[in-house]
């Protein structure tokens, strides 16, 4: 259900030229993070939006402990500088 919702939402943004799209999430939502990566999202190493603080380095430390090596590698490759 999450993938369908994500794909449909992105299709709407694409039709309305509503990019960029940002999603804020927490490291303990690592399964959601993997879903977002598979839908084309990138992790932001320094960029931020609204009033959110970008805690990329802290989040990556947490994710390194809870993800498999393969999952963490995929996440690391999906970082935008």
PDB file of N, CA and C in Angstrom:
ATOM      1  N   UNK A   1       0.828  -1.193   0.000  1.00  0.00           N
ATOM      2  CA  UNK A   1       0.000   0.000   0.000  1.00  0.00           C
ATOM      3  C   UNK A   1       0.873   1.258   0.000  1.00  0.00           C
ATOM      4  N   UNK A   2       1.960   1.231   0.777  1.00  0.00           N
ATOM      5  CA  UNK A   2       2.842   2.395   0.856  1.00  0.00           C
ATOM      6  C   UNK A   2       3.464   2.741  -0.483  1.00  0.00           C
ATOM      7  N   UNK A   3       3.889   1.720  -1.232  1.00  0.00           N
ATOM      8  CA  UNK A   3       4.502   1.963  -2.542  1.00  0.00           C
ATOM      9  C   UNK A   3       3.492   2.566  -3.516  1.00  0.00           C
ATOM     10  N   UNK A   4       2.280   2.045  -3.525  1.00  0.00           N
ATOM     11  CA  UNK A   4       1.244   2.568  -4.422  1.00  0.00           C
ATOM     12  C   UNK A   4       0.942   4.025  -4.082  1.00  0.00           C
ATOM     13  N   UNK A   5       0.801   4.312  -2.802  1.00  0.00           N
ATOM     14  CA  UNK A   5       0.528   5.674  -2.365  1.00  0.00           C
ATOM     15  C   UNK A   5       1.670   6.618  -2.746  1.00  0.00           C
ATOM     16  N   UNK A   6       2.889   6.185  -2.519  1.00  0.00           N
ATOM     17  CA  UNK A   6       4.055   6.999  -2.860  1.00  0.00           C
ATOM     18  C   UNK A   6       4.123   7.251  -4.370  1.00  0.00           C
ATOM     19  N   UNK A   7       3.958   6.213  -5.165  1.00  0.00           N
ATOM     20  CA  UNK A   7       4.019   6.351  -6.620  1.00  0.00           C
ATOM     21  C   UNK A   7       2.909   7.245  -7.148  1.00  0.00           C
ATOM     22  N   UNK A   8       1.688   7.081  -6.647  1.00  0.00           N
ATOM     23  CA  UNK A   8       0.572   7.919  -7.095  1.00  0.00           C
ATOM     24  C   UNK A   8       0.788   9.376  -6.707  1.00  0.00           C
ATOM     25  N   UNK A   9       1.281   9.593  -5.506  1.00  0.00           N
ATOM     26  CA  UNK A   9       1.552  10.959  -5.056  1.00  0.00           C
ATOM     27  C   UNK A   9       2.620  11.610  -5.926  1.00  0.00           C
ATOM     28  N   UNK A  10       3.676  10.881  -6.227  1.00  0.00           N
ATOM     29  CA  UNK A  10       4.737  11.428  -7.068  1.00  0.00           C
ATOM     30  C   UNK A  10       4.226  11.709  -8.485  1.00  0.00           C
ATOM     31  N   UNK A  11       3.338  10.883  -8.974  1.00  0.00           N
ATOM     32  CA  UNK A  11       2.754  11.114 -10.293  1.00  0.00           C
ATOM     33  C   UNK A  11       1.974  12.440 -10.302  1.00  0.00           C
ATOM     34  N   UNK A  12       1.241  12.709  -9.232  1.00  0.00           N
ATOM     35  CA  UNK A  12       0.495  13.968  -9.128  1.00  0.00           C
ATOM     36  C   UNK A  12       1.451  15.156  -9.114  1.00  0.00           C
ATOM     37  N   UNK A  13       2.521  15.060  -8.320  1.00  0.00           N
ATOM     38  CA  UNK A  13       3.505  16.142  -8.292  1.00  0.00           C
ATOM     39  C   UNK A  13       4.131  16.336  -9.661  1.00  0.00           C
ATOM     40  N   UNK A  14       4.408  15.253 -10.369  1.00  0.00           N
ATOM     41  CA  UNK A  14       5.019  15.353 -11.690  1.00  0.00           C
ATOM     42  C   UNK A  14       4.071  16.044 -12.676  1.00  0.00           C
ATOM     43  N   UNK A  15       2.797  15.693 -12.630  1.00  0.00           N
ATOM     44  CA  UNK A  15       1.812  16.308 -13.515  1.00  0.00           C
ATOM     45  C   UNK A  15       1.667  17.799 -13.246  1.00  0.00           C
ATOM     46  N   UNK A  16       1.758  18.179 -11.979  1.00  0.00           N
ATOM     47  CA  UNK A  16       1.587  19.578 -11.586  1.00  0.00           C
ATOM     48  C   UNK A  16       2.901  20.340 -11.520  1.00  0.00           C
ATOM     49  N   UNK A  17       3.999  19.692 -11.951  1.00  0.00           N
ATOM     50  CA  UNK A  17       5.337  20.281 -11.895  1.00  0.00           C
ATOM     51  C   UNK A  17       5.632  20.811 -10.491  1.00  0.00           C
ATOM     52  N   UNK A  18       5.290  19.996  -9.488  1.00  0.00           N
ATOM     53  CA  UNK A  18       5.416  20.399  -8.097  1.00  0.00           C
ATOM     54  C   UNK A  18       6.684  19.922  -7.426  1.00  0.00           C
ATOM     55  N   UNK A  19       7.811  20.002  -8.126  1.00  0.00           N
ATOM     56  CA  UNK A  19       9.061  19.547  -7.553  1.00  0.00           C
ATOM     57  C   UNK A  19       9.860  20.725  -7.044  1.00  0.00           C
ATOM     58  N   UNK A  20      10.709  20.595  -6.071  1.00  0.00           N
ATOM     59  CA  UNK A  20      11.133  19.359  -5.419  1.00  0.00           C
ATOM     60  C   UNK A  20      10.154  18.914  -4.333  1.00  0.00           C
ATOM     61  N   UNK A  21      10.220  17.642  -4.014  1.00  0.00           N
ATOM     62  CA  UNK A  21       9.397  17.049  -2.962  1.00  0.00           C
ATOM     63  C   UNK A  21      10.339  16.560  -1.864  1.00  0.00           C
ATOM     64  N   UNK A  22      10.057  16.953  -0.645  1.00  0.00           N
ATOM     65  CA  UNK A  22      10.850  16.529   0.507  1.00  0.00           C
ATOM     66  C   UNK A  22       9.975  15.712   1.441  1.00  0.00           C
ATOM     67  N   UNK A  23      10.565  14.691   2.041  1.00  0.00           N
ATOM     68  CA  UNK A  23       9.896  13.894   3.071  1.00  0.00           C
ATOM     69  C   UNK A  23      10.803  13.881   4.287  1.00  0.00           C
ATOM     70  N   UNK A  24      10.256  14.227   5.417  1.00  0.00           N
ATOM     71  CA  UNK A  24      11.016  14.174   6.670  1.00  0.00           C
ATOM     72  C   UNK A  24      10.608  12.907   7.402  1.00  0.00           C
ATOM     73  N   UNK A  25      11.589  12.146   7.851  1.00  0.00           N
ATOM     74  CA  UNK A  25      11.298  10.917   8.586  1.00  0.00           C
ATOM     75  C   UNK A  25      12.366  10.706   9.651  1.00  0.00           C
ATOM     76  N   UNK A  26      12.196   9.687  10.443  1.00  0.00           N
ATOM     77  CA  UNK A  26      13.118   9.388  11.527  1.00  0.00           C
ATOM     78  C   UNK A  26      13.886   8.105  11.210  1.00  0.00           C
ATOM     79  N   UNK A  27      15.091   7.939  11.791  1.00  0.00           N
ATOM     80  CA  UNK A  27      15.885   6.741  11.514  1.00  0.00           C
ATOM     81  C   UNK A  27      15.179   5.439  11.877  1.00  0.00           C
ATOM     82  N   UNK A  28      14.360   5.436  12.918  1.00  0.00           N
ATOM     83  CA  UNK A  28      13.691   4.190  13.290  1.00  0.00           C
ATOM     84  C   UNK A  28      12.627   3.788  12.265  1.00  0.00           C
ATOM     85  N   UNK A  29      12.324   4.684  11.320  1.00  0.00           N
ATOM     86  CA  UNK A  29      11.426   4.351  10.216  1.00  0.00           C
ATOM     87  C   UNK A  29      12.229   3.855   9.015  1.00  0.00           C
ATOM     88  N   UNK A  30      13.216   3.007   9.277  1.00  0.00           N
ATOM     89  CA  UNK A  30      14.144   2.593   8.222  1.00  0.00           C
ATOM     90  C   UNK A  30      13.454   1.849   7.088  1.00  0.00           C
ATOM     91  N   UNK A  31      12.382   1.141   7.369  1.00  0.00           N
ATOM     92  CA  UNK A  31      11.671   0.463   6.279  1.00  0.00           C
ATOM     93  C   UNK A  31      11.016   1.482   5.354  1.00  0.00           C
ATOM     94  N   UNK A  32      10.489   2.548   5.922  1.00  0.00           N
ATOM     95  CA  UNK A  32       9.925   3.626   5.103  1.00  0.00           C
ATOM     96  C   UNK A  32      11.022   4.305   4.293  1.00  0.00           C
ATOM     97  N   UNK A  33      12.192   4.492   4.899  1.00  0.00           N
ATOM     98  CA  UNK A  33      13.315   5.108   4.193  1.00  0.00           C
ATOM     99  C   UNK A  33      13.686   4.274   2.969  1.00  0.00           C
ATOM    100  N   UNK A  34      13.738   2.956   3.123  1.00  0.00           N
ATOM    101  CA  UNK A  34      14.040   2.085   1.981  1.00  0.00           C
ATOM    102  C   UNK A  34      12.953   2.179   0.916  1.00  0.00           C
ATOM    103  N   UNK A  35      11.704   2.295   1.324  1.00  0.00           N
ATOM    104  CA  UNK A  35      10.607   2.484   0.369  1.00  0.00           C
ATOM    105  C   UNK A  35      10.811   3.782  -0.403  1.00  0.00           C
ATOM    106  N   UNK A  36      11.101   4.874   0.312  1.00  0.00           N
ATOM    107  CA  UNK A  36      11.295   6.163  -0.357  1.00  0.00           C
ATOM    108  C   UNK A  36      12.466   6.111  -1.333  1.00  0.00           C
ATOM    109  N   UNK A  37      13.544   5.431  -0.956  1.00  0.00           N
ATOM    110  CA  UNK A  37      14.677   5.289  -1.873  1.00  0.00           C
ATOM    111  C   UNK A  37      14.263   4.559  -3.140  1.00  0.00           C
ATOM    112  N   UNK A  38      13.458   3.516  -2.986  1.00  0.00           N
ATOM    113  CA  UNK A  38      13.030   2.740  -4.159  1.00  0.00           C
ATOM    114  C   UNK A  38      12.078   3.541  -5.048  1.00  0.00           C
ATOM    115  N   UNK A  39      11.493   4.595  -4.500  1.00  0.00           N
ATOM    116  CA  UNK A  39      10.601   5.474  -5.283  1.00  0.00           C
ATOM    117  C   UNK A  39      11.358   6.656  -5.881  1.00  0.00           C
ATOM    118  N   UNK A  40      12.682   6.686  -5.698  1.00  0.00           N
ATOM    119  CA  UNK A  40      13.490   7.710  -6.336  1.00  0.00           C
ATOM    120  C   UNK A  40      13.951   8.850  -5.448  1.00  0.00           C
ATOM    121  N   UNK A  41      13.581   8.831  -4.184  1.00  0.00           N
ATOM    122  CA  UNK A  41      14.042   9.885  -3.280  1.00  0.00           C
ATOM    123  C   UNK A  41      15.521   9.701  -2.970  1.00  0.00           C
ATOM    124  N   UNK A  42      16.171  10.782  -2.590  1.00  0.00           N
ATOM    125  CA  UNK A  42      17.574  10.783  -2.187  1.00  0.00           C
ATOM    126  C   UNK A  42      17.657  11.322  -0.764  1.00  0.00           C
ATOM    127  N   UNK A  43      18.637  10.844  -0.014  1.00  0.00           N
ATOM    128  CA  UNK A  43      18.864  11.422   1.300  1.00  0.00           C
ATOM    129  C   UNK A  43      19.601  12.748   1.132  1.00  0.00           C
ATOM    130  N   UNK A  44      19.325  13.662   2.005  1.00  0.00           N
ATOM    131  CA  UNK A  44      19.929  14.993   1.947  1.00  0.00           C
ATOM    132  C   UNK A  44      20.986  15.125   3.033  1.00  0.00           C
ATOM    133  N   UNK A  45      22.218  15.341   2.637  1.00  0.00           N
ATOM    134  CA  UNK A  45      23.302  15.424   3.614  1.00  0.00           C
ATOM    135  C   UNK A  45      23.326  16.768   4.330  1.00  0.00           C
ATOM    136  N   UNK A  46      22.835  17.818   3.695  1.00  0.00           N
ATOM    137  CA  UNK A  46      22.874  19.136   4.328  1.00  0.00           C
ATOM    138  C   UNK A  46      21.632  19.979   4.064  1.00  0.00           C
ATOM    139  N   UNK A  47      20.934  19.728   2.990  1.00  0.00           N
ATOM    140  CA  UNK A  47      19.747  20.511   2.635  1.00  0.00           C
ATOM    141  C   UNK A  47      18.651  20.293   3.670  1.00  0.00           C
ATOM    142  N   UNK A  48      17.772  21.254   3.816  1.00  0.00           N
ATOM    143  CA  UNK A  48      16.654  21.132   4.741  1.00  0.00           C
ATOM    144  C   UNK A  48      15.480  21.938   4.208  1.00  0.00           C
ATOM    145  N   UNK A  49      14.348  21.838   4.862  1.00  0.00           N
ATOM    146  CA  UNK A  49      13.175  22.595   4.472  1.00  0.00           C
ATOM    147  C   UNK A  49      12.358  22.916   5.707  1.00  0.00           C
ATOM    148  N   UNK A  50      11.504  23.912   5.590  1.00  0.00           N
ATOM    149  CA  UNK A  50      10.644  24.345   6.679  1.00  0.00           C
ATOM    150  C   UNK A  50      11.497  24.619   7.925  1.00  0.00           C
ATOM    151  N   UNK A  51      11.056  24.150   9.074  1.00  0.00           N
ATOM    152  CA  UNK A  51      11.799  24.369  10.322  1.00  0.00           C
ATOM    153  C   UNK A  51      12.590  23.136  10.750  1.00  0.00           C
ATOM    154  N   UNK A  52      12.707  22.152   9.858  1.00  0.00           N
ATOM    155  CA  UNK A  52      13.415  20.923  10.210  1.00  0.00           C
ATOM    156  C   UNK A  52      14.920  21.140  10.265  1.00  0.00           C
ATOM    157  N   UNK A  53      15.564  20.446  11.178  1.00  0.00           N
ATOM    158  CA  UNK A  53      17.019  20.439  11.279  1.00  0.00           C
ATOM    159  C   UNK A  53      17.516  19.169  10.596  1.00  0.00           C
ATOM    160  N   UNK A  54      18.522  19.299   9.763  1.00  0.00           N
ATOM    161  CA  UNK A  54      19.075  18.141   9.080  1.00  0.00           C
ATOM    162  C   UNK A  54      20.096  17.466   9.993  1.00  0.00           C
ATOM    163  N   UNK A  55      19.731  16.315  10.522  1.00  0.00           N
ATOM    164  CA  UNK A  55      20.610  15.520  11.389  1.00  0.00           C
ATOM    165  C   UNK A  55      21.147  14.305  10.639  1.00  0.00           C
ATOM    166  N   UNK A  56      21.594  14.537   9.428  1.00  0.00           N
ATOM    167  CA  UNK A  56      22.045  13.449   8.560  1.00  0.00           C
ATOM    168  C   UNK A  56      23.091  12.563   9.232  1.00  0.00           C
ATOM    169  N   UNK A  57      24.130  13.160   9.770  1.00  0.00           N
ATOM    170  CA  UNK A  57      25.227  12.372  10.360  1.00  0.00           C
ATOM    171  C   UNK A  57      24.727  11.511  11.519  1.00  0.00           C
ATOM    172  N   UNK A  58      23.917  12.075  12.385  1.00  0.00           N
ATOM    173  CA  UNK A  58      23.369  11.315  13.515  1.00  0.00           C
ATOM    174  C   UNK A  58      22.464  10.196  13.022  1.00  0.00           C
ATOM    175  N   UNK A  59      21.637  10.501  12.037  1.00  0.00           N
ATOM    176  CA  UNK A  59      20.713   9.495  11.497  1.00  0.00           C
ATOM    177  C   UNK A  59      21.478   8.335  10.862  1.00  0.00           C
ATOM    178  N   UNK A  60      22.545   8.650  10.137  1.00  0.00           N
ATOM    179  CA  UNK A  60      23.328   7.592   9.488  1.00  0.00           C
ATOM    180  C   UNK A  60      23.990   6.690  10.521  1.00  0.00           C
ATOM    181  N   UNK A  61      24.410   7.249  11.649  1.00  0.00           N
ATOM    182  CA  UNK A  61      24.983   6.426  12.722  1.00  0.00           C
ATOM    183  C   UNK A  61      23.962   5.423  13.245  1.00  0.00           C
ATOM    184  N   UNK A  62      22.747   5.893  13.446  1.00  0.00           N
ATOM    185  CA  UNK A  62      21.670   5.013  13.929  1.00  0.00           C
ATOM    186  C   UNK A  62      21.349   3.954  12.881  1.00  0.00           C
ATOM    187  N   UNK A  63      21.201   4.382  11.639  1.00  0.00           N
ATOM    188  CA  UNK A  63      20.832   3.450  10.570  1.00  0.00           C
ATOM    189  C   UNK A  63      21.915   2.400  10.332  1.00  0.00           C
ATOM    190  N   UNK A  64      23.158   2.757  10.514  1.00  0.00           N
ATOM    191  CA  UNK A  64      24.261   1.788  10.350  1.00  0.00           C
ATOM    192  C   UNK A  64      24.106   0.639  11.336  1.00  0.00           C
ATOM    193  N   UNK A  65      23.592   0.937  12.531  1.00  0.00           N
ATOM    194  CA  UNK A  65      23.419  -0.095  13.557  1.00  0.00           C
ATOM    195  C   UNK A  65      22.203  -0.979  13.313  1.00  0.00           C
ATOM    196  N   UNK A  66      21.161  -0.462  12.659  1.00  0.00           N
ATOM    197  CA  UNK A  66      19.919  -1.232  12.562  1.00  0.00           C
ATOM    198  C   UNK A  66      19.639  -1.816  11.182  1.00  0.00           C
ATOM    199  N   UNK A  67      20.351  -1.351  10.161  1.00  0.00           N
ATOM    200  CA  UNK A  67      20.157  -1.880   8.808  1.00  0.00           C
ATOM    201  C   UNK A  67      21.199  -2.952   8.512  1.00  0.00           C
ATOM    202  N   UNK A  68      20.869  -3.798   7.557  1.00  0.00           N
ATOM    203  CA  UNK A  68      21.871  -4.746   7.077  1.00  0.00           C
ATOM    204  C   UNK A  68      22.943  -3.964   6.309  1.00  0.00           C
ATOM    205  N   UNK A  69      24.099  -4.569   6.104  1.00  0.00           N
ATOM    206  CA  UNK A  69      25.174  -3.912   5.353  1.00  0.00           C
ATOM    207  C   UNK A  69      24.703  -3.540   3.945  1.00  0.00           C
ATOM    208  N   UNK A  70      23.954  -4.432   3.318  1.00  0.00           N
ATOM    209  CA  UNK A  70      23.450  -4.180   1.961  1.00  0.00           C
ATOM    210  C   UNK A  70      22.488  -2.989   1.945  1.00  0.00           C
ATOM    211  N   UNK A  71      21.566  -2.938   2.900  1.00  0.00           N
ATOM    212  CA  UNK A  71      20.618  -1.830   2.975  1.00  0.00           C
ATOM    213  C   UNK A  71      21.337  -0.511   3.233  1.00  0.00           C
ATOM    214  N   UNK A  72      22.294  -0.541   4.146  1.00  0.00           N
ATOM    215  CA  UNK A  72      23.039   0.668   4.467  1.00  0.00           C
ATOM    216  C   UNK A  72      23.832   1.153   3.251  1.00  0.00           C
ATOM    217  N   UNK A  73      24.393   0.244   2.506  1.00  0.00           N
ATOM    218  CA  UNK A  73      25.132   0.597   1.294  1.00  0.00           C
ATOM    219  C   UNK A  73      24.206   1.298   0.292  1.00  0.00           C
ATOM    220  N   UNK A  74      23.000   0.757   0.098  1.00  0.00           N
ATOM    221  CA  UNK A  74      22.026   1.398  -0.805  1.00  0.00           C
ATOM    222  C   UNK A  74      21.704   2.810  -0.336  1.00  0.00           C
ATOM    223  N   UNK A  75      21.515   2.954   0.957  1.00  0.00           N
ATOM    224  CA  UNK A  75      21.217   4.270   1.528  1.00  0.00           C
ATOM    225  C   UNK A  75      22.378   5.220   1.320  1.00  0.00           C
ATOM    226  N   UNK A  76      23.579   4.769   1.566  1.00  0.00           N
ATOM    227  CA  UNK A  76      24.764   5.625   1.402  1.00  0.00           C
ATOM    228  C   UNK A  76      24.917   6.079  -0.034  1.00  0.00           C
ATOM    229  N   UNK A  77      24.625   5.216  -0.981  1.00  0.00           N
ATOM    230  CA  UNK A  77      24.729   5.578  -2.398  1.00  0.00           C
ATOM    231  C   UNK A  77      23.686   6.600  -2.805  1.00  0.00           C
ATOM    232  N   UNK A  78      22.595   6.693  -2.066  1.00  0.00           N
ATOM    233  CA  UNK A  78      21.474   7.571  -2.427  1.00  0.00           C
ATOM    234  C   UNK A  78      21.557   8.938  -1.753  1.00  0.00           C
ATOM    235  N   UNK A  79      22.740   9.325  -1.314  1.00  0.00           N
ATOM    236  CA  UNK A  79      22.884  10.620  -0.647  1.00  0.00           C
ATOM    237  C   UNK A  79      23.215  11.689  -1.660  1.00  0.00           C
ATOM    238  N   UNK A  80      22.526  12.825  -1.527  1.00  0.00           N
ATOM    239  CA  UNK A  80      22.822  13.996  -2.356  1.00  0.00           C
ATOM    240  C   UNK A  80      23.598  14.983  -1.531  1.00  0.00           C
ATOM    241  N   UNK A  81      24.621  15.532  -2.109  1.00  0.00           N
ATOM    242  CA  UNK A  81      25.421  16.531  -1.389  1.00  0.00           C
ATOM    243  C   UNK A  81      24.908  17.916  -1.658  1.00  0.00           C
TER     244      UNK A  81
END
